[in-house]
C-alpha atoms as a PDB file:
ATOM      1  CA  MET A   1       2.945   9.308  -1.404  1.00  0.00           C
ATOM      2  CA  GLN A   2       3.724   9.877  -5.716  1.00  0.00           C
ATOM      3  CA  ARG A   3       3.973   6.495  -7.558  1.00  0.00           C
ATOM      4  CA  ARG A   4       7.051   7.819  -8.848  1.00  0.00           C
ATOM      5  CA  ASP A   5       8.846   7.815  -5.332  1.00  0.00           C
ATOM      6  CA  TRP A   6       7.532   3.967  -4.471  1.00  0.00           C
ATOM      7  CA  ILE A   7       9.347   3.137  -8.092  1.00  0.00           C
ATOM      8  CA  THR A   8      12.086   4.569  -7.221  1.00  0.00           C
ATOM      9  CA  GLY A   9      12.195   2.355  -4.045  1.00  0.00           C
ATOM     10  CA  ALA A  10      11.978  -0.282  -5.617  1.00  0.00           C
ATOM     11  CA  LEU A  11      15.318   0.781  -8.200  1.00  0.00           C
ATOM     12  CA  LEU A  12      17.423   1.465  -5.539  1.00  0.00           C
ATOM     13  CA  VAL A  13      16.706  -2.150  -3.854  1.00  0.00           C
ATOM     14  CA  ILE A  14      17.261  -3.668  -7.504  1.00  0.00           C
ATOM     15  CA  GLY A  15      20.454  -1.190  -7.275  1.00  0.00           C
ATOM     16  CA  LEU A  16      21.609  -2.808  -4.034  1.00  0.00           C
ATOM     17  CA  PHE A  17      21.410  -6.624  -5.127  1.00  0.00           C
ATOM     18  CA  ILE A  18      23.767  -5.697  -8.107  1.00  0.00           C
ATOM     19  CA  GLY A  19      25.536  -3.720  -5.619  1.00  0.00           C
ATOM     20  CA  ILE A  20      25.408  -6.026  -2.961  1.00  0.00           C
ATOM     21  CA  TYR A  21      26.366  -9.004  -5.768  1.00  0.00           C
ATOM     22  CA  LEU A  22      29.567  -6.583  -7.865  1.00  0.00           C
ATOM     23  CA  SER A  23      31.293  -6.119  -4.253  1.00  0.00           C
ATOM     24  CA  TYR A  24      30.514 -10.055  -3.074  1.00  0.00           C
ATOM     25  CA  VAL A  25      31.870 -10.765  -6.641  1.00  0.00           C
ATOM     26  CA  LYS A  26      35.653  -9.061  -6.163  1.00  0.00           C
ATOM     27  CA  LEU A  27      35.448  -8.990  -2.866  1.00  0.00           C
ATOM     28  CA  ALA A  28      35.479 -13.336  -3.148  1.00  0.00           C
ATOM     29  CA  HIS A  29      37.694 -13.110  -6.116  1.00  0.00           C
ATOM     30  CA  THR A  30      35.208 -14.809  -8.078  1.00  0.00           C
ATOM     31  CA  GLU A  31      34.120 -15.406 -11.519  1.00  0.00           C
ATOM     32  CA  PRO A  32      30.301 -13.207 -11.952  1.00  0.00           C
ATOM     33  CA  ILE A  33      27.529 -14.809 -13.532  1.00  0.00           C
ATOM     34  CA  CYS A  34      26.702 -13.756 -16.809  1.00  0.00           C
ATOM     35  CA  ILE A  35      23.447 -14.045 -19.024  1.00  0.00           C
ATOM     36  CA  GLY A  36      25.178 -16.202 -22.340  1.00  0.00           C
ATOM     37  CA  GLY A  37      28.209 -16.894 -20.334  1.00  0.00           C
ATOM     38  CA  SER A  38      30.244 -14.542 -21.759  1.00  0.00           C
ATOM     39  CA  SER A  39      33.780 -13.093 -20.399  1.00  0.00           C
ATOM     40  CA  ASP A  40      33.078  -9.915 -20.507  1.00  0.00           C
ATOM     41  CA  CYS A  41      31.551  -9.327 -17.183  1.00  0.00           C
ATOM     42  CA  SER A  42      35.402 -10.535 -15.993  1.00  0.00           C
ATOM     43  CA  LEU A  43      37.427  -8.255 -18.602  1.00  0.00           C
ATOM     44  CA  VAL A  44      35.712  -5.303 -17.267  1.00  0.00           C
ATOM     45  CA  GLN A  45      35.616  -6.441 -13.817  1.00  0.00           C
ATOM     46  CA  ASN A  46      39.685  -6.868 -13.704  1.00  0.00           C
ATOM     47  CA  SER A  47      40.247  -3.439 -15.852  1.00  0.00           C
ATOM     48  CA  ALA A  48      42.192  -1.449 -14.693  1.00  0.00           C
ATOM     49  CA  TYR A  49      38.806   1.409 -14.979  1.00  0.00           C
ATOM     50  CA  ALA A  50      37.205  -1.369 -12.461  1.00  0.00           C
ATOM     51  CA  TYR A  51      38.711   0.820  -9.626  1.00  0.00           C
ATOM     52  CA  LEU A  52      39.068   4.394  -8.479  1.00  0.00           C
ATOM     53  CA  LEU A  53      41.723   5.655  -6.158  1.00  0.00           C
ATOM     54  CA  GLY A  54      42.701   1.974  -5.492  1.00  0.00           C
ATOM     55  CA  ILE A  55      38.718   1.204  -4.174  1.00  0.00           C
ATOM     56  CA  PRO A  56      37.048  -0.783  -5.891  1.00  0.00           C
ATOM     57  CA  VAL A  57      34.571   0.931  -8.212  1.00  0.00           C
ATOM     58  CA  ALA A  58      31.848  -1.985  -7.166  1.00  0.00           C
ATOM     59  CA  TYR A  59      32.076  -0.689  -3.547  1.00  0.00           C
ATOM     60  CA  LEU A  60      31.421   3.325  -4.323  1.00  0.00           C
ATOM     61  CA  GLY A  61      28.544   1.260  -6.978  1.00  0.00           C
ATOM     62  CA  LEU A  62      27.426  -0.489  -2.880  1.00  0.00           C
ATOM     63  CA  LEU A  63      27.983   2.996  -1.230  1.00  0.00           C
ATOM     64  CA  ALA A  64      26.441   5.226  -3.742  1.00  0.00           C
ATOM     65  CA  TYR A  65      23.657   3.016  -3.296  1.00  0.00           C
ATOM     66  CA  ILE A  66      23.191   3.069   0.980  1.00  0.00           C
ATOM     67  CA  ALA A  67      23.301   6.801   0.245  1.00  0.00           C
ATOM     68  CA  LEU A  68      20.529   6.942  -1.666  1.00  0.00           C
ATOM     69  CA  ALA A  69      18.162   4.230   0.599  1.00  0.00           C
ATOM     70  CA  LEU A  70      19.427   6.472   3.429  1.00  0.00           C
ATOM     71  CA  LEU A  71      18.182  10.255   1.917  1.00  0.00           C
ATOM     72  CA  TRP A  72      15.503   8.661   0.169  1.00  0.00           C
ATOM     73  CA  VAL A  73      14.225   6.941   3.237  1.00  0.00           C
ATOM     74  CA  ALA A  74      15.104  10.726   5.050  1.00  0.00           C
ATOM     75  CA  LYS A  75      13.091  12.338   2.534  1.00  0.00           C
ATOM     76  CA  ARG A  76      10.116  10.340   3.833  1.00  0.00           C
ATOM     77  CA  ILE A  77      10.114  10.946   6.561  1.00  0.00           C
ATOM     78  CA  ASP A  78      10.460  14.109   6.938  1.00  0.00           C
ATOM     79  CA  TRP A  79      12.180  15.265  10.052  1.00  0.00           C
ATOM     80  CA  GLN A  80      12.256  18.220  11.162  1.00  0.00           C
ATOM     81  CA  GLY A  81      10.803  19.656   7.441  1.00  0.00           C
ATOM     82  CA  TRP A  82      14.197  18.513   5.984  1.00  0.00           C
ATOM     83  CA  GLY A  83      12.151  16.885   2.871  1.00  0.00           C
ATOM     84  CA  LEU A  84      13.015  18.820   0.770  1.00  0.00           C
ATOM     85  CA  LEU A  85      17.017  18.902   2.039  1.00  0.00           C
ATOM     86  CA  ALA A  86      17.205  15.812   1.435  1.00  0.00           C
ATOM     87  CA  THR A  87      16.248  15.641  -2.284  1.00  0.00           C
ATOM     88  CA  GLN A  88      18.909  17.887  -3.204  1.00  0.00           C
ATOM     89  CA  LEU A  89      21.191  15.824  -1.805  1.00  0.00           C
ATOM     90  CA  PHE A  90      19.448  12.989  -3.748  1.00  0.00           C
ATOM     91  CA  TRP A  91      19.550  14.987  -6.287  1.00  0.00           C
ATOM     92  CA  GLY A  92      23.211  15.332  -5.922  1.00  0.00           C
ATOM     93  CA  VAL A  93      24.493  12.159  -5.501  1.00  0.00           C
ATOM     94  CA  GLY A  94      21.997  10.560  -8.127  1.00  0.00           C
ATOM     95  CA  LEU A  95      23.348  13.511 -10.630  1.00  0.00           C
ATOM     96  CA  PHE A  96      27.200  12.783  -9.245  1.00  0.00           C
ATOM     97  CA  ALA A  97      26.727   8.643  -9.652  1.00  0.00           C
ATOM     98  CA  ALA A  98      24.769   8.740 -13.009  1.00  0.00           C
ATOM     99  CA  LEU A  99      27.674  10.639 -14.793  1.00  0.00           C
ATOM    100  CA  PHE A 100      30.237   8.375 -13.473  1.00  0.00           C
ATOM    101  CA  SER A 101      28.023   5.201 -15.012  1.00  0.00           C
ATOM    102  CA  ILE A 102      27.680   6.568 -17.604  1.00  0.00           C
ATOM    103  CA  TYR A 103      31.107   7.828 -18.378  1.00  0.00           C
ATOM    104  CA  LEU A 104      32.207   3.988 -17.381  1.00  0.00           C
ATOM    105  CA  THR A 105      29.939   2.240 -19.468  1.00  0.00           C
ATOM    106  CA  TYR A 106      31.562   4.698 -22.580  1.00  0.00           C
ATOM    107  CA  ILE A 107      34.884   3.210 -20.740  1.00  0.00           C
ATOM    108  CA  GLU A 108      32.896  -0.198 -21.653  1.00  0.00           C
ATOM    109  CA  LEU A 109      31.296   0.311 -25.014  1.00  0.00           C
ATOM    110  CA  PHE A 110      35.051   2.162 -27.055  1.00  0.00           C
ATOM    111  CA  VAL A 111      37.958   1.979 -25.005  1.00  0.00           C
ATOM    112  CA  LEU A 112      37.274  -1.847 -22.835  1.00  0.00           C
ATOM    113  CA  GLY A 113      35.200  -3.393 -25.558  1.00  0.00           C
ATOM    114  CA  ALA A 114      33.771  -5.371 -23.484  1.00  0.00           C
ATOM    115  CA  ILE A 115      30.240  -4.567 -21.028  1.00  0.00           C
ATOM    116  CA  CYS A 116      29.510  -6.579 -18.099  1.00  0.00           C
ATOM    117  CA  GLN A 117      25.629  -7.088 -18.266  1.00  0.00           C
ATOM    118  CA  TRP A 118      25.733  -6.344 -14.335  1.00  0.00           C
ATOM    119  CA  CYS A 119      27.573  -2.389 -15.338  1.00  0.00           C
ATOM    120  CA  VAL A 120      25.291  -1.431 -17.812  1.00  0.00           C
ATOM    121  CA  ALA A 121      21.928  -3.021 -15.727  1.00  0.00           C
ATOM    122  CA  SER A 122      23.384  -0.134 -12.529  1.00  0.00           C
ATOM    123  CA  ALA A 123      24.038   1.739 -14.900  1.00  0.00           C
ATOM    124  CA  LEU A 124      20.632   1.850 -16.384  1.00  0.00           C
ATOM    125  CA  VAL A 125      18.979   2.025 -12.903  1.00  0.00           C
ATOM    126  CA  ILE A 126      20.858   4.960 -11.525  1.00  0.00           C
ATOM    127  CA  ILE A 127      19.918   7.317 -14.767  1.00  0.00           C
ATOM    128  CA  THR A 128      16.145   5.569 -14.648  1.00  0.00           C
ATOM    129  CA  ILE A 129      16.813   7.173 -10.290  1.00  0.00           C
ATOM    130  CA  PHE A 130      17.922  10.346 -11.356  1.00  0.00           C
ATOM    131  CA  VAL A 131      14.852  10.942 -13.868  1.00  0.00           C
ATOM    132  CA  LEU A 132      12.407  10.748 -11.186  1.00  0.00           C
ATOM    133  CA  THR A 133      14.267  12.040  -8.752  1.00  0.00           C
ATOM    134  CA  THR A 134      14.996  15.120 -11.029  1.00  0.00           C
ATOM    135  CA  ILE A 135      11.236  15.654 -11.861  1.00  0.00           C
ATOM    136  CA  ARG A 136      10.548  14.941  -8.087  1.00  0.00           C
ATOM    137  CA  LEU A 137      12.935  17.854  -7.443  1.00  0.00           C
ATOM    138  CA  ARG A 138      11.384  19.788  -9.689  1.00  0.00           C
ATOM    139  CA  THR A 139       7.959  19.404  -8.439  1.00  0.00           C
ATOM    140  CA  ASP A 140       8.866  19.657  -4.348  1.00  0.00           C
ATOM    141  CA  LEU A 141      10.411  23.128  -5.528  1.00  0.00           C
ATOM    142  CA  LEU A 142       7.519  24.290  -6.879  1.00  0.00           C
ATOM    143  CA  TYR A 143       5.735  23.092  -4.187  1.00  0.00           C
ATOM    144  CA  PHE A 144       7.235  25.123  -1.963  1.00  0.00           C
ATOM    145  CA  GLU A 145       7.911  27.815  -4.288  1.00  0.00           C
ATOM    146  CA  GLU A 146       4.087  28.536  -4.477  1.00  0.00           C
END
């Protein structure tokens, strides 16, 4: 297994932690803990942009990390040769999540004028996962073409 795969796995654990924490904050109606005591996280978490079709974005983020973790495991065990498909699905979910995170970061910076440290951390994690997966998928596709 390539080192990149384990880095992706570690990033998934970090992303799951962030998703669980932000979902807890939303569910418990509590304030997120932020470095420096900034209230920007609360402003972002309680804005109209914190929901998509009435569902908290924190829950959607957690769901995305769970889906990615399951696909990562599916790739590892390569059950009945489904490893490449799992990688392709992982890439697709990662692409959507990365683009959505970039959109939300834009909203934070240019619409709300506030930055949630947890949201930015999640965006960096998912974008890094997407980049690593793009490299992995390219490698896998070249291998399967031979």
